[in-house]
Amino acid sequence: MPKLKTNSAAKKRFTFTGTGKIKRKHAFKRHILTKKDTKQKRNLTYSGLVSAADESKIKMLFR
């Protein structure tokens, strides 16, 4: 059976932590930032974790 390729979009968007969780960036930080509160923009800077419900779908893209 041939090797399976990693999904290129997933490779660019997600990284794995040492414990196996999946890190992601927050949305809504690209443009139209003038109307957003400073606190909201600051909190969007930090990375988040993928929810447990979506983890298996994303791991499938890295198979």
Protein backbone atom coordinates (compact mmCIF):
# COMPACT_ATOMS: atom_id res chain seq x y z
CA MET A 1 0.00 0.00 0.00
CA PRO A 2 1.42 3.44 -0.86
CA LYS A 3 2.25 6.08 1.67
CA LEU A 4 -0.58 8.48 2.47
CA LYS A 5 0.04 12.18 2.07
CA THR A 6 -0.57 14.68 4.85
CA ASN A 7 -3.25 17.21 3.97
CA SER A 8 -1.37 20.42 3.06
CA ALA A 9 -4.03 22.76 4.47
CA ALA A 10 -4.02 20.96 7.83
CA LYS A 11 -0.22 20.96 7.91
CA LYS A 12 -0.23 24.77 7.68
CA ARG A 13 -3.00 25.35 10.23
CA PHE A 14 -2.43 22.90 13.08
CA THR A 15 0.45 21.76 15.27
CA PHE A 16 0.62 18.98 17.86
CA THR A 17 1.59 19.57 21.49
CA GLY A 18 3.84 17.19 23.38
CA THR A 19 0.83 15.50 24.98
CA GLY A 20 -0.91 14.94 21.63
CA LYS A 21 -3.42 17.78 21.72
CA ILE A 22 -3.85 19.92 18.61
CA LYS A 23 -3.10 23.65 18.68
CA ARG A 24 -4.88 26.12 16.40
CA LYS A 25 -5.03 29.85 15.80
CA HIS A 26 -8.12 31.96 16.47
CA ALA A 27 -10.24 33.38 13.68
CA PHE A 28 -11.27 37.07 13.26
CA LYS A 29 -7.76 38.54 13.60
CA ARG A 30 -7.03 39.35 9.92
CA HIS A 31 -8.93 42.51 9.00
CA ILE A 32 -11.69 44.91 10.15
CA LEU A 33 -9.80 45.30 13.42
CA THR A 34 -10.74 48.93 14.08
CA LYS A 35 -14.18 48.07 15.41
CA LYS A 36 -12.92 45.28 17.65
CA ASP A 37 -12.07 45.96 21.27
CA THR A 38 -8.40 45.87 22.29
CA LYS A 39 -9.12 43.11 24.79
CA GLN A 40 -10.77 40.97 22.10
CA LYS A 41 -7.84 41.44 19.72
CA ARG A 42 -5.34 40.59 22.45
CA ASN A 43 -7.18 37.40 23.40
CA LEU A 44 -7.33 36.33 19.74
CA THR A 45 -3.52 36.54 19.58
CA TYR A 46 -3.01 33.46 21.76
CA SER A 47 -3.40 30.00 20.29
CA GLY A 48 -6.24 27.72 21.31
CA LEU A 49 -6.84 23.99 21.32
CA VAL A 50 -9.06 22.03 18.96
CA SER A 51 -12.17 20.70 20.68
CA ALA A 52 -12.35 17.01 21.50
CA ALA A 53 -15.25 16.56 19.07
CA ASP A 54 -13.13 17.73 16.11
CA GLU A 55 -9.82 16.14 17.11
CA SER A 56 -10.42 12.81 15.36
CA LYS A 57 -11.34 14.55 12.08
CA ILE A 58 -8.15 16.61 12.10
CA LYS A 59 -5.95 13.64 13.08
CA MET A 60 -7.38 11.84 10.05
CA LEU A 61 -5.89 14.58 7.82
CA PHE A 62 -2.41 13.85 9.27
CA ARG A 63 -2.62 10.05 8.85
